[in-house]
Amino acid sequence: MTTTKQAAEPPRHRAALLRVGIVPVLLILAIAGCSGGGDRSQNEPVGTTSESSPFRVGHEPEGYRMVQAGRGGITQTWGDDTAGNDEPVTVLAPAGEGPGGPGEVRVSTFGYEGLQGELAQGSQGYVIGNPEAFKLDGGDAFYSAPFEYGGRRRPADLVVDAGDGVGIRVESVEASRRELAGVAEKVQVPDDNWEAPVVADPPGDLEVVGSADADVKLSIKASPGPYTDFLPAGDRGHSAVWAQPITFGAWRAETGTVVVTTLPGRALDLDAAAASLRGLDEREEEPTIRRVDVAGRPGLVIDFERGEDRAVVSSTPGGDLLLVVAHGATMPTAEDLVAVAASVEPATAAEWEQMVVTARGGPGLAPDLGAVELQRGKAGDIEWLLQAVDAARF
């Protein structure tokens, strides 16, 4: 197989499921153990920053080699009739109950202009053809009562038109249509579709548990791949990939990778981690979460059921959200990933640029690890290189 590289900055890519290996799943997470990780309040962001920063890693994963570094390559899927939406989420619960209980209410936003069924298609009941249409404050709304589909119980679901092609989704196992509508009326939609909706004054005894921007789930679930400059993280992030080399320095994602990513610090509240990973697929996966201390900062270790994904979620000393995610058949222990996370520190622009150059194999255009150069040339100001790679390594 031959591939072509170019020296110019690669374009951003949509979050196509096949390209980056994102598997949409329903994730029902149980928090195991609440000790450790320092003191923090409910509804408190992991970090403080509104933009992510470059970083350096003092303790690289043992037996791995850095193979990629740069800005995240995933752009948000929004109102796509095939791929759907990458929805940011805010979680509410009755006072004293906390997340994950029967009274939990999940609020998210989505785009509907590209959907054939428009706003109605955003409703969970659309898959069985029976969302109930009505008007809420003069705008279109669709309600679906809880129902069985794909082997699991779907929660009650209300979608409301927020204008400008944006819908508000409110869902809960227990809440009535009137209660969901009461929550929807309190929702404020941010200008940035990545960001979670704001519920400043929840009705009744509900309180905000936390929120998660859309790129948190994408950056945890996306897998890296060789022979590309694409970085498996949201495009607001900085990311670097370490891989276990196989023959002649080449690597495969399924063999084992560790991805370190920084995102804006305000992108996630730890208490909303479960809801940020929840999808709408029929399959179920039950990861476990435990709280840990990461260099004196609160964090989580997330282990996924199939045993091929493990993540440490915390913050950097500079206040960014920090994700250290292992994928593949073999991976470091949770303690090793925590050690990697604890060693992450802010980097200068020059240090980050050197890290990117090092990951690409040095300055100038060069073949990828394990690839053989066949030809190179220029097209205008763009330098290109044709290389041969073993197709079995993809």
Protein backbone atom coordinates (compact mmCIF):
# COMPACT_ATOMS: atom_id res chain seq x y z
CA MET A 1 0.00 0.00 0.00
CA THR A 2 1.26 3.50 -0.78
CA THR A 3 0.42 6.69 1.03
CA THR A 4 1.27 10.32 0.35
CA LYS A 5 2.42 12.81 2.96
CA GLN A 6 2.70 16.57 2.62
CA ALA A 7 4.52 19.12 4.71
CA ALA A 8 1.59 21.52 4.94
CA GLU A 9 -0.60 21.59 8.06
CA PRO A 10 -3.29 18.88 7.64
CA PRO A 11 -6.95 19.95 7.55
CA ARG A 12 -9.30 19.26 10.44
CA HIS A 13 -11.42 16.11 10.13
CA ARG A 14 -15.01 15.42 11.11
CA ALA A 15 -15.51 12.94 13.91
CA ALA A 16 -16.34 10.07 11.58
CA LEU A 17 -16.92 6.91 13.61
CA LEU A 18 -15.07 4.61 11.24
CA ARG A 19 -12.05 6.91 10.85
CA VAL A 20 -11.20 7.38 14.49
CA GLY A 21 -12.60 4.21 15.93
CA ILE A 22 -15.28 5.80 18.11
CA VAL A 23 -17.88 3.25 19.13
CA PRO A 24 -21.14 4.79 20.31
CA VAL A 25 -22.20 2.91 23.43
CA LEU A 26 -24.50 3.31 26.37
CA LEU A 27 -22.23 3.68 29.35
CA ILE A 28 -23.69 3.25 32.81
CA LEU A 29 -20.82 3.97 35.16
CA ALA A 30 -20.62 2.99 38.81
CA ILE A 31 -18.28 5.00 41.03
CA ALA A 32 -16.33 2.56 43.17
CA GLY A 33 -14.87 4.19 46.22
CA CYS A 34 -15.05 7.90 46.98
CA SER A 35 -11.91 8.44 49.00
CA GLY A 36 -8.75 10.11 47.75
CA GLY A 37 -8.29 12.77 45.15
CA GLY A 38 -8.42 15.78 47.47
CA ASP A 39 -11.39 17.91 48.43
CA ARG A 40 -13.70 19.33 45.80
CA SER A 41 -17.27 20.53 45.66
CA GLN A 42 -20.10 19.20 43.52
CA ASN A 43 -20.56 21.13 40.25
CA GLU A 44 -16.93 22.24 40.24
CA PRO A 45 -14.91 22.07 36.99
CA VAL A 46 -11.78 19.95 36.97
CA GLY A 47 -9.70 22.95 35.93
CA THR A 48 -9.92 26.67 35.44
CA THR A 49 -8.86 27.44 31.86
CA SER A 50 -11.04 28.28 28.86
CA GLU A 51 -8.38 27.16 26.34
CA SER A 52 -6.01 24.19 26.44
CA SER A 53 -2.23 24.64 26.61
CA PRO A 54 0.84 22.81 25.30
CA PHE A 55 2.41 20.37 27.74
CA ARG A 56 5.43 18.19 28.36
CA VAL A 57 5.55 14.74 29.95
CA GLY A 58 8.25 13.98 32.49
CA HIS A 59 7.40 10.29 32.97
CA GLU A 60 6.68 8.67 29.60
CA PRO A 61 4.94 5.27 29.58
CA GLU A 62 7.57 2.53 29.84
CA GLY A 63 8.04 0.45 26.69
CA TYR A 64 6.29 3.03 24.50
CA ARG A 65 7.63 5.53 21.98
CA MET A 66 6.17 8.93 21.16
CA VAL A 67 4.85 8.77 17.60
CA GLN A 68 2.47 11.73 17.21
CA ALA A 69 1.95 15.19 18.72
CA GLY A 70 -0.03 18.27 17.76
CA ARG A 71 -3.47 19.84 17.98
CA GLY A 72 -6.51 17.59 18.22
CA GLY A 73 -8.03 16.61 14.88
CA ILE A 74 -11.69 15.89 15.72
CA THR A 75 -14.29 18.50 14.87
CA GLN A 76 -17.75 18.24 16.35
CA THR A 77 -20.45 16.31 14.50
CA TRP A 78 -23.52 18.54 14.62
CA GLY A 79 -26.87 17.94 12.93
CA ASP A 80 -25.55 15.19 10.66
CA ASP A 81 -28.27 12.88 9.32
CA THR A 82 -25.89 9.91 9.31
CA ALA A 83 -23.52 10.50 12.23
CA GLY A 84 -25.95 12.42 14.45
CA ASN A 85 -24.60 14.78 17.09
CA ASP A 86 -21.78 15.01 19.60
CA GLU A 87 -23.83 16.38 22.47
CA PRO A 88 -22.50 18.33 25.46
CA VAL A 89 -24.33 17.47 28.68
CA THR A 90 -25.32 18.97 32.04
CA VAL A 91 -26.47 16.65 34.84
CA LEU A 92 -29.03 17.51 37.51
CA ALA A 93 -30.25 15.47 40.48
CA PRO A 94 -32.47 15.96 43.53
CA ALA A 95 -30.64 17.64 46.40
CA GLY A 96 -28.64 15.05 48.33
CA GLU A 97 -29.09 12.27 45.76
CA GLY A 98 -26.07 12.87 43.52
CA PRO A 99 -25.49 11.54 39.98
CA GLY A 100 -26.53 8.09 38.77
CA GLY A 101 -29.70 7.78 40.84
CA PRO A 102 -33.27 7.37 39.57
CA GLY A 103 -33.91 11.10 39.92
CA GLU A 104 -31.03 12.13 37.65
CA VAL A 105 -31.96 14.49 34.82
CA ARG A 106 -29.67 14.83 31.81
CA VAL A 107 -29.78 18.01 29.70
CA SER A 108 -27.96 18.29 26.37
CA THR A 109 -28.05 20.26 23.12
CA PHE A 110 -27.96 19.06 19.52
CA GLY A 111 -28.21 20.36 15.97
CA TYR A 112 -31.20 19.36 13.84
CA GLU A 113 -31.02 21.37 10.60
CA GLY A 114 -29.22 18.53 8.79
CA LEU A 115 -31.63 15.84 10.04
CA GLN A 116 -34.31 14.68 7.58
CA GLY A 117 -36.86 14.56 10.37
CA GLU A 118 -35.59 17.89 11.75
CA LEU A 119 -36.32 18.46 15.46
CA ALA A 120 -38.53 15.36 15.79
CA GLN A 121 -35.63 13.14 14.68
CA GLY A 122 -33.71 14.25 17.75
CA SER A 123 -36.32 12.61 19.95
CA GLN A 124 -35.61 9.09 21.20
CA GLY A 125 -39.17 8.14 20.33
CA TYR A 126 -38.49 8.88 16.65
CA VAL A 127 -36.96 5.40 16.22
CA ILE A 128 -40.35 3.80 16.92
CA GLY A 129 -42.32 6.57 15.24
CA ASN A 130 -44.33 7.92 18.14
CA PRO A 131 -42.95 11.11 19.70
CA GLU A 132 -45.80 13.27 20.96
CA ALA A 133 -45.79 16.73 19.34
CA PHE A 134 -46.92 19.77 21.31
CA LYS A 135 -46.09 23.46 21.83
CA LEU A 136 -43.94 24.73 24.71
CA ASP A 137 -43.92 28.51 25.13
CA GLY A 138 -45.01 28.77 21.51
CA GLY A 139 -42.18 26.62 20.17
CA ASP A 140 -42.14 23.07 18.81
CA ALA A 141 -41.53 20.24 21.27
CA PHE A 142 -41.66 16.43 21.16
CA TYR A 143 -42.08 14.11 24.12
CA SER A 144 -41.39 10.36 24.33
CA ALA A 145 -42.48 8.31 27.35
CA PRO A 146 -40.08 5.59 28.56
CA PHE A 147 -40.07 2.56 26.25
CA GLU A 148 -38.16 -0.65 25.51
CA TYR A 149 -35.91 -0.65 22.46
CA GLY A 150 -32.86 -2.70 21.48
CA GLY A 151 -32.97 -4.71 24.67
CA ARG A 152 -32.91 -1.82 27.11
CA ARG A 153 -35.23 0.67 28.73
CA ARG A 154 -35.12 4.15 27.20
CA PRO A 155 -35.76 7.07 29.57
CA ALA A 156 -38.45 9.68 29.13
CA ASP A 157 -37.20 12.23 26.61
CA LEU A 158 -38.25 15.76 25.72
CA VAL A 159 -36.75 17.79 22.85
CA VAL A 160 -37.49 21.50 22.48
CA ASP A 161 -36.66 23.96 19.69
CA ALA A 162 -34.17 26.54 21.00
CA GLY A 163 -33.96 28.38 17.65
CA ASP A 164 -31.17 28.68 15.07
CA GLY A 165 -31.30 24.95 14.33
CA VAL A 166 -30.47 23.95 17.92
CA GLY A 167 -32.54 21.58 20.02
CA ILE A 168 -32.57 21.10 23.78
CA ARG A 169 -32.87 17.52 25.06
CA VAL A 170 -34.05 16.73 28.62
CA GLU A 171 -34.25 13.08 29.69
CA SER A 172 -34.92 11.22 32.90
CA VAL A 173 -36.00 7.80 34.11
CA GLU A 174 -38.57 9.15 36.56
CA ALA A 175 -39.60 12.69 35.55
CA SER A 176 -42.97 13.44 33.97
CA ARG A 177 -43.49 15.47 30.79
CA ARG A 178 -44.40 18.51 32.88
CA GLU A 179 -41.27 18.14 35.02
CA LEU A 180 -39.04 17.79 31.94
CA ALA A 181 -40.67 20.86 30.41
CA GLY A 182 -40.00 22.78 33.63
CA VAL A 183 -36.28 21.97 33.29
CA ALA A 184 -36.23 22.84 29.57
CA GLU A 185 -37.62 26.29 30.29
CA LYS A 186 -34.58 27.02 32.50
CA VAL A 187 -31.93 26.00 29.95
CA GLN A 188 -29.56 28.56 28.43
CA VAL A 189 -27.77 27.51 25.23
CA PRO A 190 -24.12 28.64 24.88
CA ASP A 191 -22.89 30.17 21.62
CA ASP A 192 -20.21 27.46 21.32
CA ASN A 193 -21.77 24.07 20.46
CA TRP A 194 -18.91 22.25 22.22
CA GLU A 195 -20.00 23.72 25.55
CA ALA A 196 -22.55 22.21 27.91
CA PRO A 197 -25.93 23.93 28.39
CA VAL A 198 -26.41 26.14 31.45
CA VAL A 199 -29.23 25.50 33.94
CA ALA A 200 -28.78 28.42 36.31
CA ASP A 201 -31.96 28.01 38.36
CA PRO A 202 -33.23 24.40 38.26
CA PRO A 203 -36.88 23.88 39.25
CA GLY A 204 -38.04 22.11 42.41
CA ASP A 205 -35.39 20.36 44.48
CA LEU A 206 -33.11 19.72 41.50
CA GLU A 207 -29.54 20.99 41.60
CA VAL A 208 -26.75 20.94 39.04
CA VAL A 209 -24.35 18.06 39.65
CA GLY A 210 -21.92 18.93 36.88
CA SER A 211 -21.42 19.24 33.16
CA ALA A 212 -19.25 17.91 30.36
CA ASP A 213 -18.44 19.53 27.03
CA ALA A 214 -18.85 17.36 23.95
CA ASP A 215 -15.14 16.85 23.26
CA VAL A 216 -14.56 15.06 26.57
CA LYS A 217 -16.23 11.85 25.38
CA LEU A 218 -14.72 12.15 21.90
CA SER A 219 -11.20 12.52 23.27
CA ILE A 220 -11.58 9.54 25.61
CA LYS A 221 -13.12 7.16 23.08
CA ALA A 222 -11.16 8.07 19.92
CA SER A 223 -8.29 5.75 19.01
CA PRO A 224 -5.09 6.85 17.23
CA GLY A 225 -3.82 5.34 14.00
CA PRO A 226 -0.45 5.21 12.20
CA TYR A 227 0.54 6.88 8.92
CA THR A 228 -1.45 10.06 9.55
CA ASP A 229 -1.08 13.43 11.23
CA PHE A 230 -4.60 13.10 12.63
CA LEU A 231 -4.64 13.41 16.44
CA PRO A 232 -7.45 11.55 18.31
CA ALA A 233 -8.76 14.46 20.37
CA GLY A 234 -11.18 17.36 20.04
CA ASP A 235 -9.87 20.28 18.00
CA ARG A 236 -9.74 22.49 21.12
CA GLY A 237 -7.08 20.18 22.57
CA HIS A 238 -3.36 19.50 22.50
CA SER A 239 -2.51 15.81 22.19
CA ALA A 240 0.40 13.39 21.98
CA VAL A 241 0.46 9.65 21.30
CA TRP A 242 2.84 6.97 22.55
CA ALA A 243 2.80 3.51 20.94
CA GLN A 244 4.43 0.12 21.41
CA PRO A 245 6.71 -0.39 18.38
CA ILE A 246 6.48 -3.65 16.47
CA THR A 247 8.90 -4.34 13.57
CA PHE A 248 11.28 -1.66 12.26
CA GLY A 249 9.70 0.98 14.48
CA ALA A 250 6.22 0.61 12.95
CA TRP A 251 3.22 0.50 15.26
CA ARG A 252 -0.42 -0.54 15.28
CA ALA A 253 -3.17 0.99 17.36
CA GLU A 254 -4.48 -2.39 18.51
CA THR A 255 -1.07 -3.38 19.91
CA GLY A 256 -1.13 -0.65 22.53
CA THR A 257 -1.15 3.16 22.70
CA VAL A 258 -1.24 5.86 25.35
CA VAL A 259 -2.75 9.24 24.45
CA VAL A 260 -2.18 12.35 26.58
CA THR A 261 -4.56 15.24 25.89
CA THR A 262 -5.23 18.63 27.43
CA LEU A 263 -8.62 20.31 26.95
CA PRO A 264 -10.05 23.52 28.41
CA GLY A 265 -10.14 23.05 32.18
CA ARG A 266 -13.79 24.04 32.45
CA ALA A 267 -14.85 21.30 29.99
CA LEU A 268 -15.69 18.74 32.71
CA ASP A 269 -16.89 18.36 36.28
CA LEU A 270 -15.73 15.01 37.64
CA ASP A 271 -19.23 14.25 38.94
CA ALA A 272 -20.51 14.45 35.34
CA ALA A 273 -17.99 11.95 33.96
CA ALA A 274 -20.55 9.14 33.70
CA ALA A 275 -23.10 11.23 31.84
CA SER A 276 -20.46 12.62 29.49
CA LEU A 277 -19.71 9.10 28.26
CA ARG A 278 -23.29 7.95 27.90
CA GLY A 279 -24.48 7.27 24.35
CA LEU A 280 -27.68 6.11 22.72
CA ASP A 281 -26.55 2.73 21.37
CA GLU A 282 -28.44 -0.44 22.25
CA ARG A 283 -25.36 -2.16 23.65
CA GLU A 284 -24.36 -1.64 27.25
CA GLU A 285 -20.96 -1.42 28.78
CA GLU A 286 -20.34 -0.97 32.48
CA PRO A 287 -16.99 0.64 33.24
CA THR A 288 -15.96 1.32 36.80
CA ILE A 289 -14.71 4.61 38.15
CA ARG A 290 -12.58 5.17 41.20
CA ARG A 291 -11.24 8.38 42.61
CA VAL A 292 -7.47 8.88 42.80
CA ASP A 293 -4.96 11.52 43.77
CA VAL A 294 -2.86 12.87 40.88
CA ALA A 295 0.01 14.89 42.33
CA GLY A 296 -2.34 16.37 44.92
CA ARG A 297 -5.12 17.05 42.43
CA PRO A 298 -8.44 15.12 42.28
CA GLY A 299 -8.77 12.57 39.50
CA LEU A 300 -10.57 9.48 38.27
CA VAL A 301 -9.47 6.12 36.87
CA ILE A 302 -11.99 4.70 34.39
CA ASP A 303 -11.75 1.02 33.40
CA PHE A 304 -13.94 -0.16 30.54
CA GLU A 305 -15.58 -3.56 30.50
CA ARG A 306 -13.85 -5.09 27.47
CA GLY A 307 -10.45 -4.38 29.01
CA GLU A 308 -9.08 -2.52 26.00
CA ASP A 309 -9.52 1.05 27.26
CA ARG A 310 -8.43 2.72 30.49
CA ALA A 311 -8.41 6.44 31.26
CA VAL A 312 -7.10 8.75 33.94
CA VAL A 313 -8.97 12.07 34.17
CA SER A 314 -7.52 14.95 36.18
CA SER A 315 -6.06 18.43 35.71
CA THR A 316 -2.66 19.92 34.93
CA PRO A 317 -0.80 22.31 37.25
CA GLY A 318 -1.85 25.08 34.84
CA GLY A 319 -5.57 24.32 35.20
CA ASP A 320 -6.30 22.38 31.98
CA LEU A 321 -8.40 19.23 31.89
CA LEU A 322 -6.00 16.30 31.53
CA LEU A 323 -6.85 12.97 29.89
CA VAL A 324 -4.38 10.06 29.84
CA VAL A 325 -6.00 7.23 27.88
CA ALA A 326 -4.65 3.75 27.08
CA HIS A 327 -6.05 1.70 24.20
CA GLY A 328 -5.19 -1.75 22.85
CA ALA A 329 -4.60 -5.36 23.80
CA THR A 330 -1.87 -4.48 26.28
CA MET A 331 -1.76 -1.36 28.41
CA PRO A 332 -0.06 0.14 31.43
CA THR A 333 -1.51 -0.36 34.89
CA ALA A 334 -3.74 2.30 36.37
CA GLU A 335 -0.86 3.27 38.67
CA ASP A 336 1.45 3.74 35.67
CA LEU A 337 -1.09 5.99 33.95
CA VAL A 338 -1.52 8.02 37.13
CA ALA A 339 2.27 8.46 37.23
CA VAL A 340 2.24 9.71 33.63
CA ALA A 341 -0.58 12.12 34.48
CA ALA A 342 1.25 13.39 37.58
CA SER A 343 4.30 14.22 35.45
CA VAL A 344 2.47 16.43 32.94
CA GLU A 345 3.45 20.10 33.16
CA PRO A 346 2.82 23.19 31.02
CA ALA A 347 5.26 23.69 28.14
CA THR A 348 6.40 26.78 26.30
CA ALA A 349 5.55 27.21 22.63
CA ALA A 350 9.14 26.35 21.72
CA GLU A 351 9.12 23.20 23.87
CA TRP A 352 5.84 22.08 22.32
CA GLU A 353 7.10 22.68 18.79
CA GLN A 354 10.20 20.60 19.55
CA MET A 355 7.96 17.82 20.90
CA VAL A 356 5.88 17.87 17.69
CA VAL A 357 9.03 17.74 15.54
CA THR A 358 10.45 14.87 17.59
CA ALA A 359 7.22 12.88 17.26
CA ARG A 360 7.34 13.29 13.49
CA GLY A 361 10.85 11.84 13.34
CA GLY A 362 12.82 15.08 13.24
CA PRO A 363 12.81 18.24 11.11
CA GLY A 364 11.83 18.09 7.46
CA LEU A 365 9.55 15.66 5.67
CA ALA A 366 10.44 12.03 6.38
CA PRO A 367 8.74 8.64 5.97
CA ASP A 368 6.60 7.42 8.85
CA LEU A 369 8.02 4.83 11.22
CA GLY A 370 8.18 1.49 9.40
CA ALA A 371 7.44 3.04 5.97
CA VAL A 372 9.73 3.09 2.91
CA GLU A 373 10.19 6.27 0.87
CA LEU A 374 9.50 5.78 -2.85
CA GLN A 375 9.56 9.30 -4.28
CA ARG A 376 9.34 12.96 -3.22
CA GLY A 377 8.78 16.27 -4.92
CA LYS A 378 6.99 19.62 -4.77
CA ALA A 379 3.59 20.86 -5.90
CA GLY A 380 3.94 24.61 -5.79
CA ASP A 381 5.12 25.43 -2.28
CA ILE A 382 3.99 22.09 -0.84
CA GLU A 383 6.59 19.36 -0.42
CA TRP A 384 5.23 15.81 -0.75
CA LEU A 385 6.55 12.30 -0.20
CA LEU A 386 5.27 8.96 -1.52
CA GLN A 387 5.86 6.06 0.83
CA ALA A 388 5.09 2.33 0.91
CA VAL A 389 3.66 0.69 4.01
CA ASP A 390 2.58 -2.82 4.88
CA ALA A 391 -1.24 -2.87 4.58
CA ALA A 392 -1.40 -5.54 7.29
CA ARG A 393 -0.26 -2.93 9.81
CA PHE A 394 -3.41 -0.82 9.41
